[in-house]
Amino acid sequence: MARRRLTDADIERIAEMRGRNVPMAVIGLALDCSASSVNYHCLRLGIDAPKTAKCTTHVIGPMLVQRSGHVVRRFTPEEDTRLLALEAEGLTPTEIARALGRRHNTVTARLATLARHQERLEAAG
């Protein structure tokens, strides 16, 4: 079943609710969308809950995992380094994706994740 598209007001509500530490699943129910949709918008906009657990900067677990019946290849530290270097050179996510053999939406999400990790490290002092 297709879900409705989130409006700017919905996304503002997501930010407000995450600021109050409301779980993503609860936000999804309130806005008639999936928790993964809420997670995507939080990632895209750099919205963290106030009580965010420590982030890890290294891979925990296997490099290949299965999600929703699809094999997912995690990013290695070397790929992260190359990804950030290519971004610093001014390449677009699509160009970076071609260079790394990844999909452009995966590169966009990984860049957002790395930025969030950096912000958390800086906030921790």
PDB file of N, CA and C in Angstrom:
ATOM      1  N   MET A   1       0.841  -1.182   0.000  1.00  0.00           N
ATOM      2  CA  MET A   1       0.000   0.000   0.000  1.00  0.00           C
ATOM      3  C   MET A   1       0.885   1.243   0.000  1.00  0.00           C
ATOM      4  N   ALA A   2       0.637   2.135  -0.920  1.00  0.00           N
ATOM      5  CA  ALA A   2       1.416   3.377  -0.992  1.00  0.00           C
ATOM      6  C   ALA A   2       0.988   4.307   0.135  1.00  0.00           C
ATOM      7  N   ARG A   3       1.955   4.959   0.691  1.00  0.00           N
ATOM      8  CA  ARG A   3       1.667   5.911   1.765  1.00  0.00           C
ATOM      9  C   ARG A   3       1.680   7.312   1.198  1.00  0.00           C
ATOM     10  N   ARG A   4       1.066   8.228   1.919  1.00  0.00           N
ATOM     11  CA  ARG A   4       1.007   9.600   1.434  1.00  0.00           C
ATOM     12  C   ARG A   4       2.362  10.278   1.562  1.00  0.00           C
ATOM     13  N   ARG A   5       2.559  11.269   0.744  1.00  0.00           N
ATOM     14  CA  ARG A   5       3.788  12.051   0.758  1.00  0.00           C
ATOM     15  C   ARG A   5       3.759  13.010   1.944  1.00  0.00           C
ATOM     16  N   LEU A   6       4.887  13.158   2.625  1.00  0.00           N
ATOM     17  CA  LEU A   6       4.937  14.059   3.776  1.00  0.00           C
ATOM     18  C   LEU A   6       5.060  15.506   3.313  1.00  0.00           C
ATOM     19  N   THR A   7       4.321  16.375   3.977  1.00  0.00           N
ATOM     20  CA  THR A   7       4.364  17.806   3.672  1.00  0.00           C
ATOM     21  C   THR A   7       5.466  18.464   4.498  1.00  0.00           C
ATOM     22  N   ASP A   8       5.752  19.728   4.198  1.00  0.00           N
ATOM     23  CA  ASP A   8       6.723  20.481   5.003  1.00  0.00           C
ATOM     24  C   ASP A   8       6.264  20.562   6.454  1.00  0.00           C
ATOM     25  N   ALA A   9       4.949  20.720   6.664  1.00  0.00           N
ATOM     26  CA  ALA A   9       4.412  20.772   8.032  1.00  0.00           C
ATOM     27  C   ALA A   9       4.630  19.442   8.749  1.00  0.00           C
ATOM     28  N   ASP A  10       4.466  18.327   8.026  1.00  0.00           N
ATOM     29  CA  ASP A  10       4.713  17.007   8.618  1.00  0.00           C
ATOM     30  C   ASP A  10       6.175  16.871   9.039  1.00  0.00           C
ATOM     31  N   ILE A  11       7.069  17.336   8.193  1.00  0.00           N
ATOM     32  CA  ILE A  11       8.498  17.226   8.491  1.00  0.00           C
ATOM     33  C   ILE A  11       8.861  18.107   9.681  1.00  0.00           C
ATOM     34  N   GLU A  12       8.229  19.280   9.788  1.00  0.00           N
ATOM     35  CA  GLU A  12       8.438  20.122  10.975  1.00  0.00           C
ATOM     36  C   GLU A  12       7.938  19.408  12.225  1.00  0.00           C
ATOM     37  N   ARG A  13       6.823  18.699  12.088  1.00  0.00           N
ATOM     38  CA  ARG A  13       6.282  17.952  13.227  1.00  0.00           C
ATOM     39  C   ARG A  13       7.225  16.814  13.619  1.00  0.00           C
ATOM     40  N   ILE A  14       7.830  16.161  12.631  1.00  0.00           N
ATOM     41  CA  ILE A  14       8.821  15.119  12.916  1.00  0.00           C
ATOM     42  C   ILE A  14       9.947  15.704  13.757  1.00  0.00           C
ATOM     43  N   ALA A  15      10.473  16.856  13.342  1.00  0.00           N
ATOM     44  CA  ALA A  15      11.580  17.498  14.070  1.00  0.00           C
ATOM     45  C   ALA A  15      11.164  17.836  15.494  1.00  0.00           C
ATOM     46  N   GLU A  16       9.961  18.362  15.648  1.00  0.00           N
ATOM     47  CA  GLU A  16       9.474  18.741  16.980  1.00  0.00           C
ATOM     48  C   GLU A  16       9.313  17.510  17.865  1.00  0.00           C
ATOM     49  N   MET A  17       8.748  16.438  17.314  1.00  0.00           N
ATOM     50  CA  MET A  17       8.530  15.223  18.098  1.00  0.00           C
ATOM     51  C   MET A  17       9.849  14.536  18.446  1.00  0.00           C
ATOM     52  N   ARG A  18      10.804  14.509  17.509  1.00  0.00           N
ATOM     53  CA  ARG A  18      12.113  13.912  17.816  1.00  0.00           C
ATOM     54  C   ARG A  18      12.822  14.726  18.884  1.00  0.00           C
ATOM     55  N   GLY A  19      12.592  16.040  18.877  1.00  0.00           N
ATOM     56  CA  GLY A  19      13.170  16.900  19.908  1.00  0.00           C
ATOM     57  C   GLY A  19      12.651  16.569  21.298  1.00  0.00           C
ATOM     58  N   ARG A  20      11.470  15.967  21.348  1.00  0.00           N
ATOM     59  CA  ARG A  20      10.894  15.525  22.625  1.00  0.00           C
ATOM     60  C   ARG A  20      11.189  14.049  22.879  1.00  0.00           C
ATOM     61  N   ASN A  21      12.062  13.462  22.057  1.00  0.00           N
ATOM     62  CA  ASN A  21      12.505  12.070  22.208  1.00  0.00           C
ATOM     63  C   ASN A  21      11.401  11.052  21.927  1.00  0.00           C
ATOM     64  N   VAL A  22      10.450  11.417  21.070  1.00  0.00           N
ATOM     65  CA  VAL A  22       9.385  10.490  20.685  1.00  0.00           C
ATOM     66  C   VAL A  22       9.981   9.459  19.721  1.00  0.00           C
ATOM     67  N   PRO A  23       9.717   8.160  19.941  1.00  0.00           N
ATOM     68  CA  PRO A  23      10.256   7.127  19.052  1.00  0.00           C
ATOM     69  C   PRO A  23       9.748   7.286  17.613  1.00  0.00           C
ATOM     70  N   MET A  24      10.575   6.874  16.667  1.00  0.00           N
ATOM     71  CA  MET A  24      10.225   7.019  15.253  1.00  0.00           C
ATOM     72  C   MET A  24       8.958   6.256  14.896  1.00  0.00           C
ATOM     73  N   ALA A  25       8.747   5.088  15.488  1.00  0.00           N
ATOM     74  CA  ALA A  25       7.542   4.309  15.196  1.00  0.00           C
ATOM     75  C   ALA A  25       6.287   5.068  15.627  1.00  0.00           C
ATOM     76  N   VAL A  26       6.351   5.743  16.753  1.00  0.00           N
ATOM     77  CA  VAL A  26       5.210   6.520  17.253  1.00  0.00           C
ATOM     78  C   VAL A  26       4.957   7.723  16.346  1.00  0.00           C
ATOM     79  N   ILE A  27       6.030   8.372  15.908  1.00  0.00           N
ATOM     80  CA  ILE A  27       5.892   9.499  14.982  1.00  0.00           C
ATOM     81  C   ILE A  27       5.250   9.014  13.684  1.00  0.00           C
ATOM     82  N   GLY A  28       5.703   7.872  13.192  1.00  0.00           N
ATOM     83  CA  GLY A  28       5.137   7.305  11.972  1.00  0.00           C
ATOM     84  C   GLY A  28       3.645   7.044  12.096  1.00  0.00           C
ATOM     85  N   LEU A  29       3.230   6.491  13.222  1.00  0.00           N
ATOM     86  CA  LEU A  29       1.803   6.249  13.444  1.00  0.00           C
ATOM     87  C   LEU A  29       1.024   7.558  13.470  1.00  0.00           C
ATOM     88  N   ALA A  30       1.579   8.576  14.120  1.00  0.00           N
ATOM     89  CA  ALA A  30       0.901   9.876  14.218  1.00  0.00           C
ATOM     90  C   ALA A  30       0.751  10.546  12.859  1.00  0.00           C
ATOM     91  N   LEU A  31       1.705  10.307  11.965  1.00  0.00           N
ATOM     92  CA  LEU A  31       1.689  10.970  10.656  1.00  0.00           C
ATOM     93  C   LEU A  31       1.254  10.040   9.521  1.00  0.00           C
ATOM     94  N   ASP A  32       0.831   8.830   9.855  1.00  0.00           N
ATOM     95  CA  ASP A  32       0.418   7.840   8.860  1.00  0.00           C
ATOM     96  C   ASP A  32       1.519   7.575   7.838  1.00  0.00           C
ATOM     97  N   CYS A  33       2.713   7.327   8.362  1.00  0.00           N
ATOM     98  CA  CYS A  33       3.834   6.960   7.499  1.00  0.00           C
ATOM     99  C   CYS A  33       4.670   5.921   8.241  1.00  0.00           C
ATOM    100  N   SER A  34       5.613   5.337   7.564  1.00  0.00           N
ATOM    101  CA  SER A  34       6.431   4.297   8.186  1.00  0.00           C
ATOM    102  C   SER A  34       7.527   4.911   9.060  1.00  0.00           C
ATOM    103  N   ALA A  35       8.005   4.122  10.007  1.00  0.00           N
ATOM    104  CA  ALA A  35       9.126   4.560  10.842  1.00  0.00           C
ATOM    105  C   ALA A  35      10.365   4.773   9.987  1.00  0.00           C
ATOM    106  N   SER A  36      10.526   3.974   8.928  1.00  0.00           N
ATOM    107  CA  SER A  36      11.697   4.151   8.065  1.00  0.00           C
ATOM    108  C   SER A  36      11.617   5.465   7.294  1.00  0.00           C
ATOM    109  N   SER A  37      10.415   5.918   6.968  1.00  0.00           N
ATOM    110  CA  SER A  37      10.253   7.223   6.321  1.00  0.00           C
ATOM    111  C   SER A  37      10.645   8.337   7.295  1.00  0.00           C
ATOM    112  N   VAL A  38      10.223   8.204   8.539  1.00  0.00           N
ATOM    113  CA  VAL A  38      10.603   9.175   9.575  1.00  0.00           C
ATOM    114  C   VAL A  38      12.118   9.170   9.733  1.00  0.00           C
ATOM    115  N   ASN A  39      12.712   7.977   9.794  1.00  0.00           N
ATOM    116  CA  ASN A  39      14.162   7.858   9.933  1.00  0.00           C
ATOM    117  C   ASN A  39      14.883   8.530   8.768  1.00  0.00           C
ATOM    118  N   TYR A  40      14.388   8.317   7.543  1.00  0.00           N
ATOM    119  CA  TYR A  40      15.012   8.923   6.357  1.00  0.00           C
ATOM    120  C   TYR A  40      15.008  10.448   6.464  1.00  0.00           C
ATOM    121  N   HIS A  41      13.879  11.029   6.836  1.00  0.00           N
ATOM    122  CA  HIS A  41      13.807  12.491   6.920  1.00  0.00           C
ATOM    123  C   HIS A  41      14.682  13.023   8.057  1.00  0.00           C
ATOM    124  N   CYS A  42      14.749  12.293   9.162  1.00  0.00           N
ATOM    125  CA  CYS A  42      15.646  12.700  10.257  1.00  0.00           C
ATOM    126  C   CYS A  42      17.099  12.653   9.799  1.00  0.00           C
ATOM    127  N   LEU A  43      17.468  11.607   9.088  1.00  0.00           N
ATOM    128  CA  LEU A  43      18.831  11.473   8.573  1.00  0.00           C
ATOM    129  C   LEU A  43      19.136  12.589   7.584  1.00  0.00           C
ATOM    130  N   ARG A  44      18.208  12.816   6.651  1.00  0.00           N
ATOM    131  CA  ARG A  44      18.398  13.818   5.596  1.00  0.00           C
ATOM    132  C   ARG A  44      18.575  15.220   6.172  1.00  0.00           C
ATOM    133  N   LEU A  45      17.847  15.515   7.249  1.00  0.00           N
ATOM    134  CA  LEU A  45      17.879  16.858   7.824  1.00  0.00           C
ATOM    135  C   LEU A  45      18.797  16.974   9.039  1.00  0.00           C
ATOM    136  N   GLY A  46      19.441  15.881   9.419  1.00  0.00           N
ATOM    137  CA  GLY A  46      20.349  15.923  10.563  1.00  0.00           C
ATOM    138  C   GLY A  46      19.634  16.070  11.893  1.00  0.00           C
ATOM    139  N   ILE A  47      18.443  15.521  11.993  1.00  0.00           N
ATOM    140  CA  ILE A  47      17.643  15.624  13.217  1.00  0.00           C
ATOM    141  C   ILE A  47      17.956  14.425  14.101  1.00  0.00           C
ATOM    142  N   ASP A  48      18.474  14.690  15.273  1.00  0.00           N
ATOM    143  CA  ASP A  48      18.748  13.650  16.259  1.00  0.00           C
ATOM    144  C   ASP A  48      17.837  13.843  17.455  1.00  0.00           C
ATOM    145  N   ALA A  49      17.496  12.753  18.112  1.00  0.00           N
ATOM    146  CA  ALA A  49      16.781  12.849  19.374  1.00  0.00           C
ATOM    147  C   ALA A  49      17.751  13.375  20.423  1.00  0.00           C
ATOM    148  N   PRO A  50      17.246  14.069  21.457  1.00  0.00           N
ATOM    149  CA  PRO A  50      18.151  14.599  22.484  1.00  0.00           C
ATOM    150  C   PRO A  50      18.988  13.526  23.170  1.00  0.00           C
ATOM    151  N   LYS A  51      18.413  12.354  23.374  1.00  0.00           N
ATOM    152  CA  LYS A  51      19.126  11.277  24.060  1.00  0.00           C
ATOM    153  C   LYS A  51      19.614  10.268  23.035  1.00  0.00           C
ATOM    154  N   THR A  52      20.585  10.654  22.251  1.00  0.00           N
ATOM    155  CA  THR A  52      21.124   9.771  21.228  1.00  0.00           C
ATOM    156  C   THR A  52      22.253   8.943  21.818  1.00  0.00           C
ATOM    157  N   ALA A  53      22.197   7.654  21.544  1.00  0.00           N
ATOM    158  CA  ALA A  53      23.255   6.762  22.023  1.00  0.00           C
ATOM    159  C   ALA A  53      24.571   7.114  21.345  1.00  0.00           C
ATOM    160  N   LYS A  54      25.653   6.671  21.965  1.00  0.00           N
ATOM    161  CA  LYS A  54      26.967   6.898  21.361  1.00  0.00           C
ATOM    162  C   LYS A  54      26.985   6.319  19.958  1.00  0.00           C
ATOM    163  N   CYS A  55      27.591   7.046  19.049  1.00  0.00           N
ATOM    164  CA  CYS A  55      27.700   6.517  17.692  1.00  0.00           C
ATOM    165  C   CYS A  55      29.038   5.802  17.562  1.00  0.00           C
ATOM    166  N   THR A  56      29.017   4.787  16.746  1.00  0.00           N
ATOM    167  CA  THR A  56      30.255   4.076  16.475  1.00  0.00           C
ATOM    168  C   THR A  56      30.772   4.525  15.126  1.00  0.00           C
ATOM    169  N   THR A  57      32.060   4.611  15.007  1.00  0.00           N
ATOM    170  CA  THR A  57      32.646   5.026  13.738  1.00  0.00           C
ATOM    171  C   THR A  57      33.235   3.838  12.994  1.00  0.00           C
ATOM    172  N   HIS A  58      33.017   2.658  13.519  1.00  0.00           N
ATOM    173  CA  HIS A  58      33.513   1.460  12.849  1.00  0.00           C
ATOM    174  C   HIS A  58      32.358   0.471  12.678  1.00  0.00           C
ATOM    175  N   VAL A  59      32.520  -0.439  11.754  1.00  0.00           N
ATOM    176  CA  VAL A  59      31.477  -1.413  11.446  1.00  0.00           C
ATOM    177  C   VAL A  59      31.393  -2.443  12.559  1.00  0.00           C
ATOM    178  N   ILE A  60      30.175  -2.694  12.998  1.00  0.00           N
ATOM    179  CA  ILE A  60      29.930  -3.741  13.983  1.00  0.00           C
ATOM    180  C   ILE A  60      29.134  -4.825  13.273  1.00  0.00           C
ATOM    181  N   GLY A  61      29.645  -6.036  13.273  1.00  0.00           N
ATOM    182  CA  GLY A  61      28.939  -7.134  12.633  1.00  0.00           C
ATOM    183  C   GLY A  61      29.462  -7.425  11.241  1.00  0.00           C
ATOM    184  N   PRO A  62      28.741  -8.284  10.521  1.00  0.00           N
ATOM    185  CA  PRO A  62      29.204  -8.709   9.196  1.00  0.00           C
ATOM    186  C   PRO A  62      29.134  -7.586   8.166  1.00  0.00           C
ATOM    187  N   MET A  63      29.978  -7.681   7.137  1.00  0.00           N
ATOM    188  CA  MET A  63      30.000  -6.668   6.075  1.00  0.00           C
ATOM    189  C   MET A  63      28.834  -6.844   5.108  1.00  0.00           C
ATOM    190  N   LEU A  64      28.302  -8.047   4.998  1.00  0.00           N
ATOM    191  CA  LEU A  64      27.122  -8.290   4.171  1.00  0.00           C
ATOM    192  C   LEU A  64      25.968  -8.669   5.082  1.00  0.00           C
ATOM    193  N   VAL A  65      24.869  -7.945   4.960  1.00  0.00           N
ATOM    194  CA  VAL A  65      23.677  -8.233   5.753  1.00  0.00           C
ATOM    195  C   VAL A  65      22.486  -8.301   4.808  1.00  0.00           C
ATOM    196  N   GLN A  66      21.410  -8.885   5.292  1.00  0.00           N
ATOM    197  CA  GLN A  66      20.211  -8.978   4.471  1.00  0.00           C
ATOM    198  C   GLN A  66      19.116  -8.142   5.115  1.00  0.00           C
ATOM    199  N   ARG A  67      18.518  -7.257   4.308  1.00  0.00           N
ATOM    200  CA  ARG A  67      17.410  -6.417   4.765  1.00  0.00           C
ATOM    201  C   ARG A  67      16.281  -6.529   3.759  1.00  0.00           C
ATOM    202  N   SER A  68      15.119  -6.879   4.228  1.00  0.00           N
ATOM    203  CA  SER A  68      13.928  -6.995   3.371  1.00  0.00           C
ATOM    204  C   SER A  68      14.188  -7.871   2.146  1.00  0.00           C
ATOM    205  N   GLY A  69      14.919  -8.947   2.341  1.00  0.00           N
ATOM    206  CA  GLY A  69      15.184  -9.878   1.257  1.00  0.00           C
ATOM    207  C   GLY A  69      16.283  -9.458   0.296  1.00  0.00           C
ATOM    208  N   HIS A  70      16.964  -8.359   0.581  1.00  0.00           N
ATOM    209  CA  HIS A  70      18.041  -7.871  -0.281  1.00  0.00           C
ATOM    210  C   HIS A  70      19.363  -7.920   0.473  1.00  0.00           C
ATOM    211  N   VAL A  71      20.425  -8.299  -0.227  1.00  0.00           N
ATOM    212  CA  VAL A  71      21.753  -8.285   0.373  1.00  0.00           C
ATOM    213  C   VAL A  71      22.263  -6.848   0.350  1.00  0.00           C
ATOM    214  N   VAL A  72      22.715  -6.382   1.499  1.00  0.00           N
ATOM    215  CA  VAL A  72      23.223  -5.018   1.640  1.00  0.00           C
ATOM    216  C   VAL A  72      24.697  -5.092   2.010  1.00  0.00           C
ATOM    217  N   ARG A  73      25.512  -4.381   1.258  1.00  0.00           N
ATOM    218  CA  ARG A  73      26.955  -4.344   1.507  1.00  0.00           C
ATOM    219  C   ARG A  73      27.269  -3.082   2.305  1.00  0.00           C
ATOM    220  N   ARG A  74      27.789  -3.250   3.505  1.00  0.00           N
ATOM    221  CA  ARG A  74      28.134  -2.101   4.343  1.00  0.00           C
ATOM    222  C   ARG A  74      29.340  -1.367   3.779  1.00  0.00           C
ATOM    223  N   PHE A  75      29.481  -0.107   4.163  1.00  0.00           N
ATOM    224  CA  PHE A  75      30.640   0.683   3.752  1.00  0.00           C
ATOM    225  C   PHE A  75      31.829   0.334   4.635  1.00  0.00           C
ATOM    226  N   THR A  76      32.987   0.203   4.024  1.00  0.00           N
ATOM    227  CA  THR A  76      34.226  -0.023   4.769  1.00  0.00           C
ATOM    228  C   THR A  76      34.821   1.334   5.134  1.00  0.00           C
ATOM    229  N   PRO A  77      35.725   1.378   6.109  1.00  0.00           N
ATOM    230  CA  PRO A  77      36.401   2.642   6.421  1.00  0.00           C
ATOM    231  C   PRO A  77      37.130   3.222   5.202  1.00  0.00           C
ATOM    232  N   GLU A  78      37.686   2.345   4.364  1.00  0.00           N
ATOM    233  CA  GLU A  78      38.385   2.812   3.160  1.00  0.00           C
ATOM    234  C   GLU A  78      37.409   3.471   2.188  1.00  0.00           C
ATOM    235  N   GLU A  79      36.219   2.874   2.034  1.00  0.00           N
ATOM    236  CA  GLU A  79      35.208   3.469   1.161  1.00  0.00           C
ATOM    237  C   GLU A  79      34.741   4.815   1.708  1.00  0.00           C
ATOM    238  N   ASP A  80      34.583   4.901   3.029  1.00  0.00           N
ATOM    239  CA  ASP A  80      34.190   6.176   3.639  1.00  0.00           C
ATOM    240  C   ASP A  80      35.223   7.254   3.349  1.00  0.00           C
ATOM    241  N   THR A  81      36.500   6.902   3.482  1.00  0.00           N
ATOM    242  CA  THR A  81      37.580   7.853   3.213  1.00  0.00           C
ATOM    243  C   THR A  81      37.538   8.304   1.761  1.00  0.00           C
ATOM    244  N   ARG A  82      37.372   7.357   0.855  1.00  0.00           N
ATOM    245  CA  ARG A  82      37.321   7.695  -0.576  1.00  0.00           C
ATOM    246  C   ARG A  82      36.079   8.525  -0.896  1.00  0.00           C
ATOM    247  N   LEU A  83      34.956   8.152  -0.305  1.00  0.00           N
ATOM    248  CA  LEU A  83      33.705   8.874  -0.518  1.00  0.00           C
ATOM    249  C   LEU A  83      33.849  10.338  -0.101  1.00  0.00           C
ATOM    250  N   LEU A  84      34.422  10.577   1.076  1.00  0.00           N
ATOM    251  CA  LEU A  84      34.611  11.948   1.563  1.00  0.00           C
ATOM    252  C   LEU A  84      35.607  12.717   0.702  1.00  0.00           C
ATOM    253  N   ALA A  85      36.638  12.036   0.218  1.00  0.00           N
ATOM    254  CA  ALA A  85      37.620  12.695  -0.650  1.00  0.00           C
ATOM    255  C   ALA A  85      36.978  13.106  -1.973  1.00  0.00           C
ATOM    256  N   LEU A  86      36.154  12.228  -2.539  1.00  0.00           N
ATOM    257  CA  LEU A  86      35.480  12.550  -3.797  1.00  0.00           C
ATOM    258  C   LEU A  86      34.480  13.691  -3.609  1.00  0.00           C
ATOM    259  N   GLU A  87      33.808  13.698  -2.470  1.00  0.00           N
ATOM    260  CA  GLU A  87      32.881  14.802  -2.185  1.00  0.00           C
ATOM    261  C   GLU A  87      33.654  16.114  -2.066  1.00  0.00           C
ATOM    262  N   ALA A  88      34.810  16.074  -1.399  1.00  0.00           N
ATOM    263  CA  ALA A  88      35.639  17.274  -1.237  1.00  0.00           C
ATOM    264  C   ALA A  88      36.137  17.790  -2.583  1.00  0.00           C
ATOM    265  N   GLU A  89      36.300  16.889  -3.552  1.00  0.00           N
ATOM    266  CA  GLU A  89      36.709  17.287  -4.902  1.00  0.00           C
ATOM    267  C   GLU A  89      35.569  17.926  -5.683  1.00  0.00           C
ATOM    268  N   GLY A  90      34.357  17.869  -5.129  1.00  0.00           N
ATOM    269  CA  GLY A  90      33.213  18.496  -5.781  1.00  0.00           C
ATOM    270  C   GLY A  90      32.358  17.570  -6.627  1.00  0.00           C
ATOM    271  N   LEU A  91      32.605  16.261  -6.543  1.00  0.00           N
ATOM    272  CA  LEU A  91      31.797  15.323  -7.313  1.00  0.00           C
ATOM    273  C   LEU A  91      30.388  15.237  -6.735  1.00  0.00           C
ATOM    274  N   THR A  92      29.423  14.976  -7.590  1.00  0.00           N
ATOM    275  CA  THR A  92      28.037  14.808  -7.154  1.00  0.00           C
ATOM    276  C   THR A  92      27.863  13.404  -6.583  1.00  0.00           C
ATOM    277  N   PRO A  93      26.791  13.184  -5.814  1.00  0.00           N
ATOM    278  CA  PRO A  93      26.546  11.825  -5.316  1.00  0.00           C
ATOM    279  C   PRO A  93      26.458  10.787  -6.437  1.00  0.00           C
ATOM    280  N   THR A  94      25.898  11.160  -7.579  1.00  0.00           N
ATOM    281  CA  THR A  94      25.813  10.225  -8.705  1.00  0.00           C
ATOM    282  C   THR A  94      27.201   9.876  -9.228  1.00  0.00           C
ATOM    283  N   GLU A  95      28.071  10.864  -9.348  1.00  0.00           N
ATOM    284  CA  GLU A  95      29.442  10.611  -9.811  1.00  0.00           C
ATOM    285  C   GLU A  95      30.217   9.774  -8.795  1.00  0.00           C
ATOM    286  N   ILE A  96      30.022  10.067  -7.522  1.00  0.00           N
ATOM    287  CA  ILE A  96      30.678   9.290  -6.464  1.00  0.00           C
ATOM    288  C   ILE A  96      30.183   7.846  -6.509  1.00  0.00           C
ATOM    289  N   ALA A  97      28.879   7.680  -6.694  1.00  0.00           N
ATOM    290  CA  ALA A  97      28.293   6.338  -6.754  1.00  0.00           C
ATOM    291  C   ALA A  97      28.909   5.524  -7.885  1.00  0.00           C
ATOM    292  N   ARG A  98      29.077   6.141  -9.034  1.00  0.00           N
ATOM    293  CA  ARG A  98      29.705   5.430 -10.162  1.00  0.00           C
ATOM    294  C   ARG A  98      31.132   5.017  -9.814  1.00  0.00           C
ATOM    295  N   ALA A  99      31.868   5.919  -9.172  1.00  0.00           N
ATOM    296  CA  ALA A  99      33.265   5.631  -8.825  1.00  0.00           C
ATOM    297  C   ALA A  99      33.374   4.501  -7.800  1.00  0.00           C
ATOM    298  N   LEU A 100      32.385   4.403  -6.906  1.00  0.00           N
ATOM    299  CA  LEU A 100      32.425   3.389  -5.848  1.00  0.00           C
ATOM    300  C   LEU A 100      31.647   2.119  -6.192  1.00  0.00           C
ATOM    301  N   GLY A 101      30.922   2.140  -7.300  1.00  0.00           N
ATOM    302  CA  GLY A 101      30.095   0.985  -7.642  1.00  0.00           C
ATOM    303  C   GLY A 101      28.903   0.843  -6.719  1.00  0.00           C
ATOM    304  N   ARG A 102      28.333   1.973  -6.328  1.00  0.00           N
ATOM    305  CA  ARG A 102      27.178   2.014  -5.427  1.00  0.00           C
ATOM    306  C   ARG A 102      26.040   2.781  -6.088  1.00  0.00           C
ATOM    307  N   ARG A 103      24.860   2.721  -5.494  1.00  0.00           N
ATOM    308  CA  ARG A 103      23.723   3.494  -5.990  1.00  0.00           C
ATOM    309  C   ARG A 103      23.794   4.910  -5.417  1.00  0.00           C
ATOM    310  N   HIS A 104      23.282   5.890  -6.179  1.00  0.00           N
ATOM    311  CA  HIS A 104      23.400   7.287  -5.738  1.00  0.00           C
ATOM    312  C   HIS A 104      22.646   7.551  -4.442  1.00  0.00           C
ATOM    313  N   ASN A 105      21.493   6.904  -4.227  1.00  0.00           N
ATOM    314  CA  ASN A 105      20.757   7.129  -2.983  1.00  0.00           C
ATOM    315  C   ASN A 105      21.511   6.555  -1.785  1.00  0.00           C
ATOM    316  N   THR A 106      22.278   5.492  -2.006  1.00  0.00           N
ATOM    317  CA  THR A 106      23.101   4.916  -0.941  1.00  0.00           C
ATOM    318  C   THR A 106      24.221   5.878  -0.567  1.00  0.00           C
ATOM    319  N   VAL A 107      24.826   6.495  -1.570  1.00  0.00           N
ATOM    320  CA  VAL A 107      25.899   7.467  -1.323  1.00  0.00           C
ATOM    321  C   VAL A 107      25.343   8.684  -0.591  1.00  0.00           C
ATOM    322  N   THR A 108      24.184   9.177  -1.011  1.00  0.00           N
ATOM    323  CA  THR A 108      23.562  10.329  -0.353  1.00  0.00           C
ATOM    324  C   THR A 108      23.285  10.021   1.117  1.00  0.00           C
ATOM    325  N   ALA A 109      22.729   8.844   1.386  1.00  0.00           N
ATOM    326  CA  ALA A 109      22.434   8.457   2.768  1.00  0.00           C
ATOM    327  C   ALA A 109      23.713   8.282   3.576  1.00  0.00           C
ATOM    328  N   ARG A 110      24.756   7.718   2.970  1.00  0.00           N
ATOM    329  CA  ARG A 110      26.013   7.517   3.699  1.00  0.00           C
ATOM    330  C   ARG A 110      26.666   8.850   4.030  1.00  0.00           C
ATOM    331  N   LEU A 111      26.629   9.800   3.093  1.00  0.00           N
ATOM    332  CA  LEU A 111      27.177  11.135   3.373  1.00  0.00           C
ATOM    333  C   LEU A 111      26.441  11.782   4.545  1.00  0.00           C
ATOM    334  N   ALA A 112      25.121  11.629   4.582  1.00  0.00           N
ATOM    335  CA  ALA A 112      24.338  12.181   5.692  1.00  0.00           C
ATOM    336  C   ALA A 112      24.694  11.485   7.001  1.00  0.00           C
ATOM    337  N   THR A 113      24.897  10.171   6.949  1.00  0.00           N
ATOM    338  CA  THR A 113      25.271   9.417   8.146  1.00  0.00           C
ATOM    339  C   THR A 113      26.639   9.851   8.661  1.00  0.00           C
ATOM    340  N   LEU A 114      27.596  10.001   7.761  1.00  0.00           N
ATOM    341  CA  LEU A 114      28.936  10.435   8.172  1.00  0.00           C
ATOM    342  C   LEU A 114      28.901  11.846   8.752  1.00  0.00           C
ATOM    343  N   ALA A 115      28.080  12.722   8.178  1.00  0.00           N
ATOM    344  CA  ALA A 115      27.942  14.083   8.716  1.00  0.00           C
ATOM    345  C   ALA A 115      27.337  14.036  10.115  1.00  0.00           C
ATOM    346  N   ARG A 116      26.353  13.163  10.313  1.00  0.00           N
ATOM    347  CA  ARG A 116      25.727  13.027  11.633  1.00  0.00           C
ATOM    348  C   ARG A 116      26.739  12.493  12.643  1.00  0.00           C
ATOM    349  N   HIS A 117      27.544  11.512  12.245  1.00  0.00           N
ATOM    350  CA  HIS A 117      28.586  10.990  13.143  1.00  0.00           C
ATOM    351  C   HIS A 117      29.554  12.104  13.539  1.00  0.00           C
ATOM    352  N   GLN A 118      29.957  12.917  12.574  1.00  0.00           N
ATOM    353  CA  GLN A 118      30.891  14.011  12.846  1.00  0.00           C
ATOM    354  C   GLN A 118      30.282  15.021  13.820  1.00  0.00           C
ATOM    355  N   GLU A 119      29.008  15.367  13.614  1.00  0.00           N
ATOM    356  CA  GLU A 119      28.336  16.306  14.515  1.00  0.00           C
ATOM    357  C   GLU A 119      28.260  15.752  15.931  1.00  0.00           C
ATOM    358  N   ARG A 120      27.973  14.467  16.063  1.00  0.00           N
ATOM    359  CA  ARG A 120      27.898  13.855  17.395  1.00  0.00           C
ATOM    360  C   ARG A 120      29.258  13.866  18.080  1.00  0.00           C
ATOM    361  N   LEU A 121      30.315  13.568  17.316  1.00  0.00           N
ATOM    362  CA  LEU A 121      31.659  13.580  17.894  1.00  0.00           C
ATOM    363  C   LEU A 121      32.039  14.979  18.357  1.00  0.00           C
ATOM    364  N   GLU A 122      31.703  15.989  17.544  1.00  0.00           N
ATOM    365  CA  GLU A 122      32.007  17.372  17.920  1.00  0.00           C
ATOM    366  C   GLU A 122      31.197  17.801  19.134  1.00  0.00           C
ATOM    367  N   ALA A 123      29.941  17.374  19.211  1.00  0.00           N
ATOM    368  CA  ALA A 123      29.091  17.731  20.348  1.00  0.00           C
ATOM    369  C   ALA A 123      29.583  17.073  21.636  1.00  0.00           C
ATOM    370  N   ALA A 124      30.174  15.887  21.506  1.00  0.00           N
ATOM    371  CA  ALA A 124      30.685  15.172  22.676  1.00  0.00           C
ATOM    372  C   ALA A 124      31.971  15.794  23.199  1.00  0.00           C
ATOM    373  N   GLY A 125      32.587  16.627  22.363  1.00  0.00           N
ATOM    374  CA  GLY A 125      33.794  17.332  22.788  1.00  0.00           C
ATOM    375  C   GLY A 125      34.989  16.541  22.554  1.00  0.00           C
TER     376      GLY A 125
END
